[in-house]
Protein backbone atom coordinates (compact mmCIF):
# COMPACT_ATOMS: atom_id res chain seq x y z
CA UNK A 1 41.80 -47.91 -162.78
CA UNK A 2 44.34 -46.91 -165.38
CA UNK A 3 42.25 -43.85 -166.22
CA UNK A 4 41.98 -42.76 -162.56
CA UNK A 5 44.01 -39.76 -161.40
CA UNK A 6 47.63 -40.69 -160.60
CA UNK A 7 47.19 -40.21 -156.84
CA UNK A 8 44.37 -42.83 -156.79
CA UNK A 9 46.10 -45.49 -158.89
CA UNK A 10 47.43 -48.54 -157.11
CA UNK A 11 50.91 -49.87 -157.76
CA UNK A 12 50.83 -52.98 -159.96
CA UNK A 13 53.85 -55.24 -160.24
CA UNK A 14 54.72 -55.57 -163.90
CA UNK A 15 57.70 -57.67 -164.93
CA UNK A 16 58.60 -57.26 -168.57
CA UNK A 17 60.91 -60.04 -169.67
CA UNK A 18 63.75 -59.86 -172.13
CA UNK A 19 63.31 -60.07 -175.88
CA UNK A 20 64.96 -63.50 -175.84
CA UNK A 21 62.45 -64.79 -173.25
CA UNK A 22 59.59 -63.46 -175.34
CA UNK A 23 60.92 -65.11 -178.50
CA UNK A 24 61.41 -68.50 -176.80
CA UNK A 25 57.93 -68.26 -175.26
CA UNK A 26 56.42 -67.50 -178.68
CA UNK A 27 58.05 -70.59 -180.15
CA UNK A 28 56.92 -72.72 -177.18
CA UNK A 29 53.36 -71.35 -177.43
CA UNK A 30 53.28 -72.23 -181.13
CA UNK A 31 54.73 -75.71 -180.57
CA UNK A 32 52.22 -76.52 -177.80
CA UNK A 33 49.17 -74.90 -179.41
CA UNK A 34 47.39 -78.16 -180.23
CA UNK A 35 48.16 -79.56 -176.75
CA UNK A 36 46.65 -76.45 -175.14
CA UNK A 37 43.54 -76.84 -177.30
CA UNK A 38 43.11 -80.54 -176.49
CA UNK A 39 43.56 -79.88 -172.76
CA UNK A 40 41.46 -76.72 -172.44
CA UNK A 41 38.70 -77.24 -175.02
CA UNK A 42 36.17 -80.06 -175.47
CA UNK A 43 36.22 -82.13 -178.67
CA UNK A 44 33.83 -80.99 -181.40
CA UNK A 45 30.18 -82.12 -181.07
CA UNK A 46 29.73 -85.71 -182.21
CA UNK A 47 33.36 -86.65 -181.57
CA UNK A 48 34.07 -89.43 -179.07
CA UNK A 49 34.13 -88.01 -175.53
CA UNK A 50 32.60 -84.69 -176.60
CA UNK A 51 30.39 -84.42 -173.51
CA UNK A 52 32.87 -85.52 -170.85
CA UNK A 53 36.56 -85.25 -170.08
CA UNK A 54 38.65 -88.46 -169.87
CA UNK A 55 38.06 -88.59 -166.08
CA UNK A 56 34.27 -88.40 -166.60
CA UNK A 57 33.81 -84.81 -165.45
CA UNK A 58 32.03 -82.28 -167.69
CA UNK A 59 34.05 -79.86 -169.77
CA UNK A 60 34.12 -76.33 -168.35
CA UNK A 61 33.24 -73.49 -170.69
CA UNK A 62 36.30 -71.32 -171.28
CA UNK A 63 36.57 -69.31 -174.49
CA UNK A 64 39.42 -66.95 -173.63
CA UNK A 65 42.38 -69.19 -174.48
CA UNK A 66 42.92 -71.88 -177.12
CA UNK A 67 39.55 -71.07 -178.66
CA UNK A 68 39.44 -69.46 -182.07
CA UNK A 69 37.14 -66.41 -182.13
CA UNK A 70 36.19 -66.98 -178.49
CA UNK A 71 34.97 -63.43 -177.92
CA UNK A 72 32.77 -63.48 -181.03
CA UNK A 73 31.37 -66.85 -179.98
CA UNK A 74 30.56 -65.54 -176.51
CA UNK A 75 28.98 -62.28 -177.68
CA UNK A 76 26.77 -63.97 -180.29
CA UNK A 77 25.78 -66.82 -177.94
CA UNK A 78 24.79 -64.48 -175.13
CA UNK A 79 22.88 -62.25 -177.56
CA UNK A 80 20.98 -65.25 -178.97
CA UNK A 81 20.05 -66.44 -175.47
CA UNK A 82 18.91 -62.96 -174.40
CA UNK A 83 16.87 -62.56 -177.60
CA UNK A 84 15.12 -65.84 -176.82
CA UNK A 85 14.54 -65.05 -173.15
CA UNK A 86 13.50 -61.38 -172.98
CA UNK A 87 13.29 -61.35 -169.16
CA UNK A 88 16.85 -62.60 -168.63
CA UNK A 89 19.77 -60.31 -167.79
CA UNK A 90 23.41 -60.74 -168.72
CA UNK A 91 25.76 -60.42 -165.75
CA UNK A 92 29.49 -60.27 -166.50
CA UNK A 93 32.29 -60.75 -164.02
CA UNK A 94 35.61 -59.10 -164.74
CA UNK A 95 38.42 -60.03 -162.38
CA UNK A 96 40.67 -57.00 -162.06
CA UNK A 97 44.33 -57.80 -162.62
CA UNK A 98 43.42 -61.49 -162.94
CA UNK A 99 46.76 -62.63 -164.39
CA UNK A 100 48.55 -61.34 -161.28
CA UNK A 101 46.03 -62.86 -158.87
CA UNK A 102 47.01 -66.51 -159.34
CA UNK A 103 49.93 -68.03 -157.47
CA UNK A 104 52.41 -69.50 -159.90
CA UNK A 105 52.28 -72.96 -158.31
CA UNK A 106 48.71 -73.27 -159.66
CA UNK A 107 49.82 -73.36 -163.27
CA UNK A 108 53.23 -74.90 -162.62
CA UNK A 109 51.53 -77.96 -161.08
CA UNK A 110 49.38 -78.49 -164.18
CA UNK A 111 52.39 -77.96 -166.47
CA UNK A 112 54.47 -80.52 -164.55
CA UNK A 113 51.68 -83.12 -164.81
CA UNK A 114 50.25 -82.50 -168.27
CA UNK A 115 52.91 -80.60 -170.26
CA UNK A 116 56.27 -82.15 -169.29
CA UNK A 117 57.95 -80.87 -172.46
CA UNK A 118 57.20 -77.33 -171.35
CA UNK A 119 58.28 -77.81 -167.72
CA UNK A 120 61.93 -76.72 -167.99
CA UNK A 121 61.05 -73.45 -169.71
CA UNK A 122 58.08 -72.73 -167.44
CA UNK A 123 60.18 -73.34 -164.35
CA UNK A 124 62.98 -71.16 -165.72
CA UNK A 125 60.51 -68.31 -166.20
CA UNK A 126 58.27 -68.76 -163.14
CA UNK A 127 59.82 -71.28 -160.72
CA UNK A 128 61.38 -68.66 -158.48
CA UNK A 129 60.04 -65.26 -157.37
CA UNK A 130 60.82 -62.45 -159.78
CA UNK A 131 62.70 -59.49 -158.33
CA UNK A 132 61.10 -56.24 -159.43
CA UNK A 133 62.63 -52.81 -159.05
CA UNK A 134 60.83 -49.59 -158.26
CA UNK A 135 62.51 -46.38 -159.35
CA UNK A 136 62.33 -43.70 -156.69
CA UNK A 137 61.74 -40.08 -157.56
CA UNK A 138 63.90 -38.82 -154.68
CA UNK A 139 67.20 -39.96 -156.23
CA UNK A 140 67.63 -42.89 -153.86
CA UNK A 141 68.64 -46.31 -155.24
CA UNK A 142 65.73 -48.34 -156.59
CA UNK A 143 63.65 -50.29 -154.11
CA UNK A 144 63.04 -53.95 -154.90
CA UNK A 145 60.38 -56.49 -154.03
CA UNK A 146 59.56 -60.03 -155.13
CA UNK A 147 56.63 -61.07 -157.29
CA UNK A 148 55.40 -64.60 -156.59
CA UNK A 149 52.09 -64.42 -158.42
CA UNK A 150 50.96 -64.17 -161.99
CA UNK A 151 52.61 -64.15 -165.36
CA UNK A 152 54.90 -61.57 -166.89
CA UNK A 153 53.54 -58.69 -168.95
CA UNK A 154 54.05 -59.52 -172.61
CA UNK A 155 54.84 -63.23 -172.05
CA UNK A 156 53.55 -65.15 -175.06
CA UNK A 157 52.60 -68.02 -172.71
CA UNK A 158 50.94 -65.79 -170.09
CA UNK A 159 47.32 -66.37 -171.12
CA UNK A 160 47.87 -70.11 -171.58
CA UNK A 161 49.54 -70.45 -168.18
CA UNK A 162 46.71 -68.51 -166.52
CA UNK A 163 44.14 -70.75 -168.24
CA UNK A 164 46.05 -73.88 -167.16
CA UNK A 165 46.00 -72.73 -163.54
CA UNK A 166 42.32 -71.83 -163.74
CA UNK A 167 41.28 -75.07 -165.50
CA UNK A 168 41.11 -77.32 -162.38
CA UNK A 169 38.90 -74.73 -160.65
CA UNK A 170 36.58 -74.50 -163.68
CA UNK A 171 36.40 -78.31 -163.82
CA UNK A 172 35.42 -78.47 -160.14
CA UNK A 173 32.70 -75.84 -160.69
CA UNK A 174 31.41 -77.62 -163.82
CA UNK A 175 31.05 -80.92 -161.95
CA UNK A 176 28.85 -79.41 -159.19
């Protein structure tokens, strides 16, 4: 809706963190890269446990985070399937404002259990509601409200945290 006329756009809470927070998050994302991959992605075909997770459930398919060239993989895979099955149709689901739709406790719970070395930083960034300020055009002092959902715009760990919060849901769907 960003291209809609201004009077039809809905207010979106966007919290842009400090440069220091971004830098620390970039370092943390780099340090935990291999842990994110091993948690979010299945082992390569032929490797031990490639078909199932350690708890026996199937691996969900998620190519948005911790997956090199995930978009290319998805586009080419879908195209190959549609070429093979001419009567099939590709249906895509795009969740609008997805990163702001997840309550922070969803990813904080996974971080506390599976990424203890990242817990202190994650809690510092997302453990308490973020106060956001709205500038008023009438000259009044800014209005404020609290954001309790989602990740911060520009956070280097935002996509990973969203994927961590979504992972248990994808696992439950995959095991149906």
